[in-house]
Amino acid sequence: MNYAISTLFCLLLSLALTAQVETIKAGNGQLLRVEKVNGGFDHPWAIAFLPDGEVLVTERNTGKLHRMSTEMGAEKTTISGTPDVHAMGQGGLMDIKLDPNFATNGYVYLAYAKPGDGPSSTAALGRGKLQGDSLAGFEDIFVMLPYFNGHKHYGNQIAFSPDGEYLYFVMGERFQFDPAQELDNHWGKVIRIRPDGSVPDDNPFVDQAGAKPEIWSYGHRNIESMAFQPGTDELYLVEMGPLGGDELNRVVKGDNYGWPRESHGDNYDGTQLPDPPANSPYHQPVRHWNPVISPSGMAFYTGSAFPEWKGDAFVGGLSSRDLVRLRIDGDEVLEEERFPMPGRIREVEQGPDGAIYLLKDDKDGELWRMVPHGTKDSKK
């Protein structure tokens, strides 16, 4: 009897998972299949694929790090040794990246909201070695300063340079506006360090008195993701605007991106911000969105499942509930296409199988996979 009940349960679970499939038609007429791989995540934030094809998933609210296969409904294993997080407001456990030399050193990097004294918190970046089901010896390599009693605009996104020599980390301006223009703090900045946390000698403000030596660019608002364009050394990021004016930016050493002195949006209370003039002294976005998309995860595609999109960037939309495809050339977007999704997209990553993997941001969040329609499903 128990065996029969177990078999029936597995069959019903398989049918339930298989039924959660969306079919989308691309602009070129191609049909796409978006299928649920797994669920039950508490506001999942980021994913990283291990060399064996398994996937790591961070949960913002719980601070948990899970590992699982990409088979539908696969059992999750929770990794121990992760840091304590400040899980309030927009804070918690956020981005994850593997070291470029992970195969030999085993380092996993985590970005998170770090609790301070009393109600204060900040953004932090640390690393530990993945050993079985544990993250051993986790320690911070960078902590954003100053700490602040607030729960918004942490940023907390990680990117390694194509040569693996440098690590870029982005931070929001903690919803405090003006500090993004000041070099004596890390708010509203992109920083550049080495993987061990040390500061390169050629950073733009390393010799400037009073400036934080890690700063690479400044004048940002609330950066949500960034990625290097394949075959280039160009780093692009997406950041949320205020009431309007979400941005795609190309990151340039030492440049000022203007927040909050000018914006393509206005303040939430309706008061106006200066629009960028034709002769603006600030670095202008490659693309801005009005209405907003609330950009989140970002990845450049290099796989073979969608050969016509090789080199294109994919950006998740939270409020727009879609996946945005961008063909970028320097400071110009040549093509833009949107794929409607059944939920708020938090993360976008390419899997080792060439599929595009997405995270649905929700209290009962999900991991999805997008493949060409008609692709044989070998993951059930």
Protein backbone atom coordinates (compact mmCIF):
# COMPACT_ATOMS: atom_id res chain seq x y z
CA MET A 1 0.00 0.00 0.00
CA ASN A 2 2.77 2.42 0.90
CA TYR A 3 4.54 1.62 -2.36
CA ALA A 4 1.34 2.31 -4.33
CA ILE A 5 0.80 5.64 -2.56
CA SER A 6 4.41 6.63 -3.16
CA THR A 7 4.17 5.74 -6.85
CA LEU A 8 0.93 7.71 -7.23
CA PHE A 9 2.45 10.73 -5.46
CA CYS A 10 5.50 10.71 -7.77
CA LEU A 11 3.23 10.44 -10.80
CA LEU A 12 1.08 13.36 -9.67
CA LEU A 13 4.16 15.44 -8.90
CA SER A 14 5.60 14.70 -12.32
CA LEU A 15 2.33 15.65 -14.01
CA ALA A 16 2.09 18.86 -11.98
CA LEU A 17 5.61 19.91 -12.89
CA THR A 18 5.16 18.96 -16.55
CA ALA A 19 1.95 20.98 -16.75
CA GLN A 20 3.69 24.19 -15.67
CA VAL A 21 4.92 25.13 -19.12
CA GLU A 22 4.49 28.38 -21.03
CA THR A 23 4.82 28.70 -24.80
CA ILE A 24 6.14 32.02 -26.12
CA LYS A 25 6.50 33.23 -29.69
CA ALA A 26 9.65 35.22 -30.50
CA GLY A 27 9.71 38.05 -33.01
CA ASN A 28 11.37 35.80 -35.60
CA GLY A 29 8.45 33.37 -35.30
CA GLN A 30 10.36 30.84 -33.21
CA LEU A 31 8.38 29.16 -30.45
CA LEU A 32 9.98 29.00 -27.01
CA ARG A 33 9.14 26.78 -24.06
CA VAL A 34 9.45 28.07 -20.50
CA GLU A 35 9.17 25.23 -18.00
CA LYS A 36 9.31 25.04 -14.24
CA VAL A 37 12.35 23.14 -12.99
CA ASN A 38 11.89 23.53 -9.24
CA GLY A 39 9.99 25.58 -6.68
CA GLY A 40 9.53 26.34 -3.02
CA PHE A 41 12.24 29.03 -2.80
CA ASP A 42 11.75 32.00 -0.46
CA HIS A 43 12.53 34.96 -2.73
CA PRO A 44 15.38 33.32 -4.66
CA TRP A 45 18.01 35.81 -5.79
CA ALA A 46 20.82 34.27 -7.83
CA ILE A 47 22.08 31.03 -9.37
CA ALA A 48 25.48 29.61 -10.29
CA PHE A 49 26.23 26.37 -12.13
CA LEU A 50 28.81 23.92 -10.81
CA PRO A 51 31.16 22.05 -13.19
CA ASP A 52 29.08 18.87 -12.77
CA GLY A 53 25.95 20.68 -14.02
CA GLU A 54 24.29 21.07 -10.63
CA VAL A 55 23.02 24.50 -9.70
CA LEU A 56 23.43 26.65 -6.59
CA VAL A 57 20.51 28.93 -5.64
CA THR A 58 20.54 31.69 -3.01
CA GLU A 59 17.45 32.66 -1.01
CA ARG A 60 17.30 36.31 0.01
CA ASN A 61 14.93 36.03 2.97
CA THR A 62 16.29 32.92 4.67
CA GLY A 63 19.97 33.35 3.89
CA LYS A 64 20.06 29.74 2.66
CA LEU A 65 22.18 28.40 -0.18
CA HIS A 66 20.76 25.34 -1.96
CA ARG A 67 22.34 22.85 -4.35
CA MET A 68 20.38 20.59 -6.70
CA SER A 69 20.36 19.01 -10.11
CA THR A 70 18.33 20.52 -12.95
CA GLU A 71 15.98 17.56 -13.12
CA MET A 72 12.39 18.65 -12.57
CA GLY A 73 11.54 18.66 -8.89
CA ALA A 74 14.99 17.47 -7.79
CA GLU A 75 15.68 17.32 -4.07
CA LYS A 76 17.48 20.35 -2.62
CA THR A 77 20.54 20.15 -0.38
CA THR A 78 21.17 23.12 1.91
CA ILE A 79 24.82 24.19 2.09
CA SER A 80 26.09 25.03 5.58
CA GLY A 81 28.70 27.66 6.44
CA THR A 82 26.97 30.66 4.84
CA PRO A 83 27.14 34.03 6.65
CA ASP A 84 24.47 35.52 8.89
CA VAL A 85 22.45 38.00 6.87
CA HIS A 86 20.36 41.11 7.52
CA ALA A 87 17.10 39.80 6.05
CA MET A 88 14.97 42.93 6.19
CA GLY A 89 13.51 45.05 3.40
CA GLN A 90 15.65 44.51 0.31
CA GLY A 91 18.45 42.85 2.30
CA GLY A 92 19.45 39.23 2.71
CA LEU A 93 21.60 36.68 0.85
CA MET A 94 21.95 37.87 -2.71
CA ASP A 95 24.46 37.24 -5.51
CA ILE A 96 26.70 34.20 -6.00
CA LYS A 97 29.64 33.56 -8.33
CA LEU A 98 32.21 30.78 -8.67
CA ASP A 99 35.88 31.70 -8.79
CA PRO A 100 37.25 31.48 -12.36
CA ASN A 101 39.67 28.88 -10.95
CA PHE A 102 36.98 27.04 -9.00
CA ALA A 103 38.11 23.66 -10.34
CA THR A 104 41.40 24.05 -8.46
CA ASN A 105 40.59 26.34 -5.51
CA GLY A 106 36.90 25.64 -4.79
CA TYR A 107 36.05 29.27 -3.95
CA VAL A 108 32.44 30.43 -3.98
CA TYR A 109 31.73 34.17 -3.60
CA LEU A 110 28.58 35.42 -1.87
CA ALA A 111 27.19 38.96 -1.71
CA TYR A 112 24.85 39.73 1.17
CA ALA A 113 23.39 42.35 3.49
CA LYS A 114 25.61 42.25 6.57
CA PRO A 115 24.13 43.08 9.99
CA GLY A 116 25.89 45.78 12.02
CA ASP A 117 25.38 47.19 15.48
CA GLY A 118 21.73 47.57 16.44
CA PRO A 119 19.53 48.09 13.38
CA SER A 120 22.35 49.08 11.00
CA SER A 121 23.49 47.01 8.02
CA THR A 122 25.63 47.20 4.92
CA ALA A 123 26.57 45.26 1.78
CA ALA A 124 29.38 42.71 2.01
CA LEU A 125 31.25 40.32 -0.25
CA GLY A 126 32.92 37.17 1.04
CA ARG A 127 34.19 33.79 -0.07
CA GLY A 128 34.55 30.25 1.20
CA LYS A 129 35.58 26.88 -0.23
CA LEU A 130 32.81 24.51 -1.25
CA GLN A 131 33.60 21.18 0.38
CA GLY A 132 30.78 18.66 0.06
CA ASP A 133 27.70 20.23 1.58
CA SER A 134 29.60 22.96 3.41
CA LEU A 135 31.12 26.34 2.58
CA ALA A 136 34.31 26.12 4.61
CA GLY A 137 36.25 29.09 6.00
CA PHE A 138 33.88 31.78 4.75
CA GLU A 139 35.31 35.27 5.30
CA ASP A 140 34.55 38.78 4.06
CA ILE A 141 36.92 40.26 1.50
CA PHE A 142 35.06 43.59 1.18
CA VAL A 143 32.55 45.50 3.31
CA MET A 144 30.74 48.60 2.06
CA LEU A 145 31.22 51.68 4.25
CA PRO A 146 29.53 53.29 6.04
CA TYR A 147 26.94 51.08 7.73
CA PHE A 148 23.44 52.56 7.72
CA ASN A 149 20.11 52.12 9.49
CA GLY A 150 18.02 51.37 6.42
CA HIS A 151 16.94 48.39 4.34
CA LYS A 152 17.04 49.58 0.70
CA HIS A 153 19.38 49.72 -2.31
CA TYR A 154 22.18 47.35 -1.36
CA GLY A 155 23.19 46.49 -4.92
CA ASN A 156 25.26 43.39 -4.12
CA GLN A 157 26.17 42.10 -7.59
CA ILE A 158 29.43 40.40 -8.62
CA ALA A 159 31.33 40.06 -11.92
CA PHE A 160 34.79 38.73 -12.71
CA SER A 161 36.87 40.28 -15.48
CA PRO A 162 37.30 38.02 -18.53
CA ASP A 163 40.89 37.23 -17.51
CA GLY A 164 39.78 36.41 -13.95
CA GLU A 165 42.28 38.87 -12.47
CA TYR A 166 39.77 41.36 -11.09
CA LEU A 167 36.48 41.26 -9.28
CA TYR A 168 33.85 43.98 -9.75
CA PHE A 169 31.21 44.58 -7.09
CA VAL A 170 28.31 47.05 -7.24
CA MET A 171 26.47 48.86 -4.48
CA GLY A 172 23.31 50.93 -4.36
CA GLU A 173 23.21 54.37 -2.74
CA ARG A 174 21.12 53.07 0.17
CA PHE A 175 18.29 55.38 -0.98
CA GLN A 176 20.28 58.38 0.31
CA PHE A 177 20.86 60.18 -3.02
CA ASP A 178 23.77 62.67 -2.63
CA PRO A 179 26.43 60.26 -1.26
CA ALA A 180 26.51 58.64 -4.73
CA GLN A 181 28.44 61.75 -5.86
CA GLU A 182 30.96 61.63 -3.04
CA LEU A 183 34.14 59.55 -3.17
CA ASP A 184 34.56 59.18 0.61
CA ASN A 185 31.99 56.36 0.77
CA HIS A 186 31.02 53.25 -1.22
CA TRP A 187 27.36 54.14 -1.80
CA GLY A 188 26.23 54.24 -5.44
CA LYS A 189 29.56 52.88 -6.69
CA VAL A 190 31.15 50.14 -8.74
CA ILE A 191 34.31 48.88 -7.08
CA ARG A 192 37.22 46.89 -8.51
CA ILE A 193 39.37 44.63 -6.35
CA ARG A 194 41.35 41.43 -6.73
CA PRO A 195 39.70 38.12 -5.78
CA ASP A 196 41.48 38.20 -2.41
CA GLY A 197 40.10 41.68 -1.64
CA SER A 198 43.29 43.66 -2.28
CA VAL A 199 43.12 46.92 -4.25
CA PRO A 200 44.81 47.22 -7.68
CA ASP A 201 47.32 50.04 -8.02
CA ASP A 202 45.72 51.33 -11.24
CA ASN A 203 42.26 52.04 -9.81
CA PRO A 204 41.26 55.61 -10.75
CA PHE A 205 41.09 57.12 -7.25
CA VAL A 206 43.68 55.02 -5.45
CA ASP A 207 45.97 58.04 -4.88
CA GLN A 208 43.27 60.67 -4.29
CA ALA A 209 43.14 61.91 -0.70
CA GLY A 210 39.88 61.05 1.07
CA ALA A 211 38.62 58.79 -1.73
CA LYS A 212 37.86 55.10 -1.24
CA PRO A 213 40.59 53.33 -3.25
CA GLU A 214 38.29 50.50 -4.42
CA ILE A 215 36.01 52.84 -6.45
CA TRP A 216 35.92 52.24 -10.22
CA SER A 217 32.88 54.39 -11.18
CA TYR A 218 30.31 56.43 -9.25
CA GLY A 219 27.06 58.39 -9.46
CA HIS A 220 24.92 55.23 -9.65
CA ARG A 221 21.51 54.70 -8.04
CA ASN A 222 20.42 51.09 -7.45
CA ILE A 223 22.44 48.69 -9.58
CA GLU A 224 20.76 45.31 -9.99
CA SER A 225 23.15 43.34 -12.20
CA MET A 226 26.17 43.50 -14.49
CA ALA A 227 28.04 41.34 -17.00
CA PHE A 228 30.99 41.48 -19.39
CA GLN A 229 30.20 41.36 -23.10
CA PRO A 230 31.75 38.20 -24.63
CA GLY A 231 34.86 38.79 -26.70
CA THR A 232 35.38 42.25 -25.26
CA ASP A 233 36.47 43.94 -22.05
CA GLU A 234 33.21 45.94 -21.96
CA LEU A 235 31.29 45.81 -18.69
CA TYR A 236 27.58 46.64 -18.77
CA LEU A 237 25.18 47.08 -15.87
CA VAL A 238 21.51 47.75 -15.32
CA GLU A 239 20.18 49.97 -12.57
CA MET A 240 16.75 50.97 -11.40
CA GLY A 241 15.75 54.57 -11.87
CA PRO A 242 13.41 56.43 -9.53
CA LEU A 243 9.92 57.13 -10.93
CA GLY A 244 10.98 56.27 -14.47
CA GLY A 245 14.43 56.18 -16.02
CA ASP A 246 15.74 52.62 -15.57
CA GLU A 247 19.17 52.47 -17.20
CA LEU A 248 21.56 50.23 -19.13
CA ASN A 249 25.08 51.62 -18.68
CA ARG A 250 28.49 50.83 -20.10
CA VAL A 251 30.98 51.07 -17.25
CA VAL A 252 34.05 53.25 -17.85
CA LYS A 253 36.96 53.67 -15.44
CA GLY A 254 36.55 56.74 -13.23
CA ASP A 255 33.35 58.02 -14.86
CA ASN A 256 30.47 59.75 -13.07
CA TYR A 257 26.97 58.54 -14.04
CA GLY A 258 25.10 61.54 -12.70
CA TRP A 259 22.78 60.30 -9.97
CA PRO A 260 21.05 62.22 -8.36
CA ARG A 261 22.05 65.39 -10.21
CA GLU A 262 20.21 64.32 -13.35
CA SER A 263 17.94 61.47 -14.35
CA HIS A 264 15.51 60.31 -17.01
CA GLY A 265 13.00 59.85 -14.17
CA ASP A 266 11.63 61.87 -11.25
CA ASN A 267 11.39 61.39 -7.49
CA TYR A 268 8.74 59.07 -6.07
CA ASP A 269 6.95 62.03 -4.49
CA GLY A 270 6.48 63.56 -7.93
CA THR A 271 9.12 66.29 -7.59
CA GLN A 272 11.14 66.63 -10.76
CA LEU A 273 14.77 65.77 -11.31
CA PRO A 274 16.77 67.57 -14.04
CA ASP A 275 16.71 65.74 -17.37
CA PRO A 276 20.17 65.17 -18.91
CA PRO A 277 20.96 68.13 -21.20
CA ALA A 278 22.60 67.67 -24.59
CA ASN A 279 25.94 68.77 -23.15
CA SER A 280 25.69 66.80 -19.91
CA PRO A 281 29.02 66.35 -18.08
CA TYR A 282 27.89 62.90 -16.91
CA HIS A 283 28.20 59.53 -18.62
CA GLN A 284 24.89 58.85 -20.38
CA PRO A 285 23.07 55.50 -20.43
CA VAL A 286 23.17 53.27 -23.47
CA ARG A 287 19.44 52.76 -23.01
CA HIS A 288 16.83 54.06 -20.59
CA TRP A 289 13.30 52.81 -20.08
CA ASN A 290 10.10 54.79 -19.53
CA PRO A 291 7.85 53.08 -18.52
CA VAL A 292 10.27 51.17 -16.35
CA ILE A 293 11.01 47.46 -16.48
CA SER A 294 12.62 47.31 -12.99
CA PRO A 295 15.71 45.50 -14.36
CA SER A 296 17.18 42.63 -12.39
CA GLY A 297 19.43 39.78 -13.54
CA MET A 298 21.57 40.16 -16.66
CA ALA A 299 23.58 37.70 -18.76
CA PHE A 300 25.15 37.64 -22.22
CA TYR A 301 24.25 34.53 -24.20
CA THR A 302 27.02 32.33 -25.67
CA GLY A 303 25.26 28.95 -25.99
CA SER A 304 24.12 26.86 -28.95
CA ALA A 305 20.42 26.37 -28.12
CA PHE A 306 19.67 29.84 -29.54
CA PRO A 307 22.46 30.40 -32.12
CA GLU A 308 20.74 33.48 -33.58
CA TRP A 309 21.08 35.23 -30.22
CA LYS A 310 24.76 34.56 -29.56
CA GLY A 311 26.32 37.66 -28.02
CA ASP A 312 22.99 39.22 -27.05
CA ALA A 313 22.24 40.33 -23.50
CA PHE A 314 19.18 39.11 -21.61
CA VAL A 315 17.79 41.25 -18.77
CA GLY A 316 15.03 40.25 -16.37
CA GLY A 317 12.14 42.58 -15.63
CA LEU A 318 10.54 42.61 -12.18
CA SER A 319 7.64 45.05 -12.61
CA SER A 320 7.34 44.44 -16.37
CA ARG A 321 7.33 40.66 -15.85
CA ASP A 322 9.27 39.95 -18.98
CA LEU A 323 12.67 38.92 -20.31
CA VAL A 324 14.33 41.60 -22.44
CA ARG A 325 16.75 40.67 -25.24
CA LEU A 326 19.25 43.37 -26.23
CA ARG A 327 21.78 43.40 -29.07
CA ILE A 328 24.41 45.89 -27.93
CA ASP A 329 27.20 47.54 -29.89
CA GLY A 330 29.25 49.93 -27.77
CA ASP A 331 26.91 52.73 -26.71
CA GLU A 332 24.03 51.62 -28.92
CA VAL A 333 21.24 49.06 -28.65
CA LEU A 334 20.70 47.65 -32.14
CA GLU A 335 17.78 45.36 -31.30
CA GLU A 336 15.38 44.99 -28.39
CA GLU A 337 12.80 42.26 -27.92
CA ARG A 338 10.60 41.33 -24.97
CA PHE A 339 9.33 37.91 -23.96
CA PRO A 340 6.37 37.98 -21.52
CA MET A 341 6.92 35.79 -18.46
CA PRO A 342 4.53 34.33 -15.87
CA GLY A 343 6.05 36.26 -12.97
CA ARG A 344 8.70 38.69 -11.73
CA ILE A 345 12.12 37.78 -13.12
CA ARG A 346 14.92 38.18 -10.59
CA GLU A 347 17.83 36.28 -12.16
CA VAL A 348 18.99 35.33 -15.65
CA GLU A 349 21.79 32.81 -16.30
CA GLN A 350 22.89 30.56 -19.12
CA GLY A 351 23.09 26.90 -18.20
CA PRO A 352 25.77 24.44 -19.34
CA ASP A 353 23.11 22.88 -21.59
CA GLY A 354 22.68 26.17 -23.47
CA ALA A 355 19.23 26.82 -21.97
CA ILE A 356 18.41 30.14 -20.32
CA TYR A 357 17.60 29.71 -16.62
CA LEU A 358 15.42 32.20 -14.75
CA LEU A 359 14.39 32.79 -11.16
CA LYS A 360 10.88 33.94 -10.27
CA ASP A 361 11.00 36.38 -7.36
CA ASP A 362 8.25 35.41 -4.95
CA LYS A 363 7.63 34.09 -1.44
CA ASP A 364 7.11 30.77 -3.23
CA GLY A 365 9.75 31.38 -5.89
CA GLU A 366 10.65 29.09 -8.76
CA LEU A 367 13.50 28.10 -11.07
CA TRP A 368 12.56 28.08 -14.75
CA ARG A 369 14.28 26.95 -17.95
CA MET A 370 13.73 28.48 -21.42
CA VAL A 371 14.49 26.29 -24.44
CA PRO A 372 13.37 26.17 -28.09
CA HIS A 373 9.91 24.65 -28.39
CA GLY A 374 10.16 21.04 -29.43
CA THR A 375 13.42 20.47 -27.56
CA LYS A 376 13.44 16.92 -26.20
CA ASP A 377 12.93 17.08 -22.44
CA SER A 378 15.53 14.86 -20.84
CA LYS A 379 15.14 16.45 -17.41
CA LYS A 380 11.97 14.72 -16.19
